[in-house]
């Protein structure tokens, strides 16, 4: 996966993480639309959802930025 696509996935995950925090029902609907709309592969979808968890945990103070950076690296390495 190229750097541009990784950046796109991270942007999507960042936006979706706000929804996850603010409105879980809308988050679920958006995620379903994202995958069913063919905008990403199954692997990319998994990365986005995993990044949403990380980003939302940082935004709510449940994870430090340093931990998030390491977790993000792990997720993107496994792609």
N, C-alpha and C. Protein backbone atom coordinates (compact mmCIF):
# COMPACT_ATOMS: atom_id res chain seq x y z
N UNK A 1 0.86 -1.17 0.00
CA UNK A 1 0.00 0.00 0.00
C UNK A 1 0.91 1.23 0.00
N UNK A 2 0.59 2.18 -0.86
CA UNK A 2 1.44 3.36 -0.97
C UNK A 2 1.11 4.39 0.12
N UNK A 3 2.03 5.33 0.28
CA UNK A 3 1.91 6.34 1.34
C UNK A 3 0.66 7.20 1.18
N UNK A 4 0.29 7.49 -0.06
CA UNK A 4 -0.91 8.30 -0.29
C UNK A 4 -2.16 7.60 0.19
N UNK A 5 -2.26 6.31 -0.09
CA UNK A 5 -3.43 5.54 0.34
C UNK A 5 -3.47 5.41 1.86
N UNK A 6 -2.32 5.22 2.46
CA UNK A 6 -2.25 5.15 3.93
C UNK A 6 -2.72 6.46 4.54
N UNK A 7 -2.30 7.58 3.96
CA UNK A 7 -2.74 8.89 4.46
C UNK A 7 -4.25 9.05 4.33
N UNK A 8 -4.82 8.56 3.23
CA UNK A 8 -6.27 8.62 3.04
C UNK A 8 -6.99 7.80 4.10
N UNK A 9 -6.50 6.61 4.36
CA UNK A 9 -7.13 5.75 5.37
C UNK A 9 -7.06 6.39 6.75
N UNK A 10 -5.93 7.01 7.07
CA UNK A 10 -5.78 7.68 8.35
C UNK A 10 -6.75 8.86 8.48
N UNK A 11 -6.96 9.60 7.39
CA UNK A 11 -7.91 10.72 7.41
C UNK A 11 -9.33 10.23 7.64
N UNK A 12 -9.69 9.17 6.95
CA UNK A 12 -11.03 8.59 7.12
C UNK A 12 -11.21 8.13 8.57
N UNK A 13 -10.20 7.44 9.08
CA UNK A 13 -10.28 6.95 10.47
C UNK A 13 -10.39 8.09 11.46
N UNK A 14 -9.67 9.17 11.21
CA UNK A 14 -9.73 10.32 12.11
C UNK A 14 -11.13 10.92 12.14
N UNK A 15 -11.75 11.08 10.96
CA UNK A 15 -13.11 11.62 10.91
C UNK A 15 -14.10 10.66 11.58
N UNK A 16 -13.96 9.38 11.29
CA UNK A 16 -14.88 8.41 11.87
C UNK A 16 -14.71 8.30 13.39
N UNK A 17 -13.50 8.52 13.88
CA UNK A 17 -13.29 8.43 15.33
C UNK A 17 -14.08 9.50 16.07
N UNK A 18 -14.27 10.67 15.43
CA UNK A 18 -15.11 11.70 16.04
C UNK A 18 -16.55 11.21 16.16
N UNK A 19 -17.02 10.54 15.11
CA UNK A 19 -18.38 9.99 15.16
C UNK A 19 -18.50 8.91 16.22
N UNK A 20 -17.46 8.08 16.33
CA UNK A 20 -17.47 7.02 17.34
C UNK A 20 -17.65 7.61 18.73
N UNK A 21 -17.02 8.73 18.98
CA UNK A 21 -17.12 9.39 20.28
C UNK A 21 -18.49 10.06 20.45
N UNK A 22 -18.95 10.76 19.42
CA UNK A 22 -20.15 11.58 19.52
C UNK A 22 -21.46 10.84 19.27
N UNK A 23 -21.46 9.90 18.34
CA UNK A 23 -22.71 9.23 17.97
C UNK A 23 -22.42 7.85 17.39
N UNK A 24 -22.42 6.86 18.27
CA UNK A 24 -22.05 5.50 17.88
C UNK A 24 -22.96 4.94 16.78
N UNK A 25 -24.24 5.30 16.81
CA UNK A 25 -25.16 4.81 15.78
C UNK A 25 -24.76 5.33 14.40
N UNK A 26 -24.43 6.60 14.31
CA UNK A 26 -23.99 7.17 13.04
C UNK A 26 -22.66 6.56 12.61
N UNK A 27 -21.81 6.29 13.58
CA UNK A 27 -20.53 5.65 13.29
C UNK A 27 -20.75 4.30 12.61
N UNK A 28 -21.62 3.50 13.17
CA UNK A 28 -21.91 2.18 12.60
C UNK A 28 -22.47 2.29 11.19
N UNK A 29 -23.38 3.23 10.99
CA UNK A 29 -23.98 3.44 9.66
C UNK A 29 -22.91 3.86 8.66
N UNK A 30 -22.05 4.83 9.03
CA UNK A 30 -21.00 5.30 8.12
C UNK A 30 -20.02 4.18 7.77
N UNK A 31 -19.69 3.37 8.78
CA UNK A 31 -18.76 2.27 8.52
C UNK A 31 -19.38 1.26 7.55
N UNK A 32 -20.63 0.96 7.75
CA UNK A 32 -21.32 0.03 6.85
C UNK A 32 -21.36 0.59 5.43
N UNK A 33 -21.63 1.88 5.30
CA UNK A 33 -21.67 2.51 3.98
C UNK A 33 -20.29 2.51 3.33
N UNK A 34 -19.27 2.73 4.12
CA UNK A 34 -17.90 2.76 3.62
C UNK A 34 -17.53 1.42 2.99
N UNK A 35 -17.83 0.35 3.71
CA UNK A 35 -17.45 -0.97 3.23
C UNK A 35 -18.36 -1.45 2.10
N UNK A 36 -19.64 -1.29 2.28
CA UNK A 36 -20.57 -1.78 1.25
C UNK A 36 -20.50 -0.95 -0.02
N UNK A 37 -20.04 0.28 0.09
CA UNK A 37 -19.91 1.15 -1.07
C UNK A 37 -18.69 0.85 -1.92
N UNK A 38 -17.88 -0.09 -1.49
CA UNK A 38 -16.71 -0.47 -2.27
C UNK A 38 -15.58 0.55 -2.26
N UNK A 39 -15.59 1.43 -1.27
CA UNK A 39 -14.56 2.48 -1.21
C UNK A 39 -13.25 1.97 -0.61
N UNK A 40 -13.28 0.77 -0.08
CA UNK A 40 -12.07 0.20 0.48
C UNK A 40 -12.15 -1.32 0.43
N UNK A 41 -10.99 -1.93 0.50
CA UNK A 41 -10.93 -3.39 0.54
C UNK A 41 -11.22 -3.87 1.96
N UNK A 42 -11.37 -5.15 2.11
CA UNK A 42 -11.61 -5.72 3.44
C UNK A 42 -10.44 -5.39 4.38
N UNK A 43 -9.23 -5.51 3.86
CA UNK A 43 -8.04 -5.22 4.66
C UNK A 43 -7.99 -3.74 5.05
N UNK A 44 -8.29 -2.85 4.10
CA UNK A 44 -8.30 -1.42 4.40
C UNK A 44 -9.38 -1.09 5.41
N UNK A 45 -10.52 -1.72 5.29
CA UNK A 45 -11.62 -1.51 6.24
C UNK A 45 -11.18 -1.89 7.65
N UNK A 46 -10.50 -3.01 7.77
CA UNK A 46 -10.01 -3.45 9.08
C UNK A 46 -9.03 -2.41 9.65
N UNK A 47 -8.15 -1.89 8.81
CA UNK A 47 -7.19 -0.88 9.25
C UNK A 47 -7.92 0.37 9.72
N UNK A 48 -8.90 0.82 8.96
CA UNK A 48 -9.67 2.02 9.33
C UNK A 48 -10.34 1.83 10.68
N UNK A 49 -11.03 0.71 10.87
CA UNK A 49 -11.73 0.47 12.13
C UNK A 49 -10.75 0.40 13.30
N UNK A 50 -9.63 -0.27 13.09
CA UNK A 50 -8.62 -0.36 14.15
C UNK A 50 -8.05 1.01 14.48
N UNK A 51 -7.78 1.82 13.46
CA UNK A 51 -7.29 3.17 13.71
C UNK A 51 -8.33 4.03 14.41
N UNK A 52 -9.60 3.83 14.09
CA UNK A 52 -10.68 4.57 14.78
C UNK A 52 -10.62 4.33 16.28
N UNK A 53 -10.40 3.08 16.65
CA UNK A 53 -10.30 2.75 18.07
C UNK A 53 -9.14 3.50 18.71
N UNK A 54 -7.99 3.46 18.06
CA UNK A 54 -6.80 4.13 18.59
C UNK A 54 -7.04 5.63 18.69
N UNK A 55 -7.52 6.24 17.60
CA UNK A 55 -7.70 7.69 17.58
C UNK A 55 -8.74 8.13 18.61
N UNK A 56 -9.82 7.38 18.75
CA UNK A 56 -10.85 7.77 19.73
C UNK A 56 -10.32 7.62 21.15
N UNK A 57 -9.46 6.63 21.38
CA UNK A 57 -8.90 6.48 22.73
C UNK A 57 -7.97 7.64 23.07
N UNK A 58 -7.22 8.14 22.10
CA UNK A 58 -6.37 9.31 22.33
C UNK A 58 -7.24 10.53 22.61
N UNK A 59 -8.27 10.71 21.80
CA UNK A 59 -9.14 11.88 21.94
C UNK A 59 -9.90 11.91 23.26
N UNK A 60 -10.16 10.74 23.84
CA UNK A 60 -10.86 10.68 25.12
C UNK A 60 -9.91 10.56 26.31
N UNK A 61 -8.61 10.54 26.02
CA UNK A 61 -7.62 10.48 27.08
C UNK A 61 -7.34 9.09 27.62
N UNK A 62 -7.80 8.07 26.93
CA UNK A 62 -7.59 6.70 27.39
C UNK A 62 -6.29 6.08 26.88
N UNK A 63 -5.58 6.80 26.01
CA UNK A 63 -4.31 6.33 25.47
C UNK A 63 -3.43 7.55 25.21
N UNK A 64 -2.17 7.41 25.50
CA UNK A 64 -1.25 8.52 25.23
C UNK A 64 -0.93 8.58 23.74
N UNK A 65 -0.47 9.73 23.31
CA UNK A 65 -0.09 9.88 21.90
C UNK A 65 1.07 8.95 21.56
N UNK A 66 2.00 8.78 22.47
CA UNK A 66 3.15 7.89 22.21
C UNK A 66 2.67 6.45 22.00
N UNK A 67 1.73 6.01 22.85
CA UNK A 67 1.17 4.66 22.68
C UNK A 67 0.43 4.55 21.35
N UNK A 68 -0.27 5.61 20.99
CA UNK A 68 -1.04 5.61 19.74
C UNK A 68 -0.13 5.53 18.53
N UNK A 69 0.97 6.25 18.58
CA UNK A 69 1.92 6.22 17.46
C UNK A 69 2.44 4.80 17.27
N UNK A 70 2.80 4.15 18.36
CA UNK A 70 3.31 2.78 18.28
C UNK A 70 2.23 1.82 17.77
N UNK A 71 1.03 1.96 18.28
CA UNK A 71 -0.08 1.10 17.84
C UNK A 71 -0.37 1.33 16.35
N UNK A 72 -0.36 2.58 15.93
CA UNK A 72 -0.59 2.90 14.52
C UNK A 72 0.49 2.24 13.65
N UNK A 73 1.74 2.33 14.08
CA UNK A 73 2.83 1.69 13.33
C UNK A 73 2.60 0.19 13.22
N UNK A 74 2.20 -0.44 14.32
CA UNK A 74 1.94 -1.88 14.30
C UNK A 74 0.84 -2.22 13.31
N UNK A 75 -0.24 -1.45 13.35
CA UNK A 75 -1.37 -1.71 12.45
C UNK A 75 -0.96 -1.56 10.98
N UNK A 76 -0.22 -0.52 10.69
CA UNK A 76 0.15 -0.26 9.31
C UNK A 76 1.26 -1.18 8.82
N UNK A 77 2.07 -1.68 9.73
CA UNK A 77 3.10 -2.66 9.37
C UNK A 77 2.47 -3.98 8.98
N UNK A 78 1.38 -4.31 9.64
CA UNK A 78 0.72 -5.60 9.40
C UNK A 78 -0.09 -5.60 8.11
N UNK A 79 -0.23 -4.45 7.48
CA UNK A 79 -1.02 -4.36 6.26
C UNK A 79 -0.30 -5.13 5.19
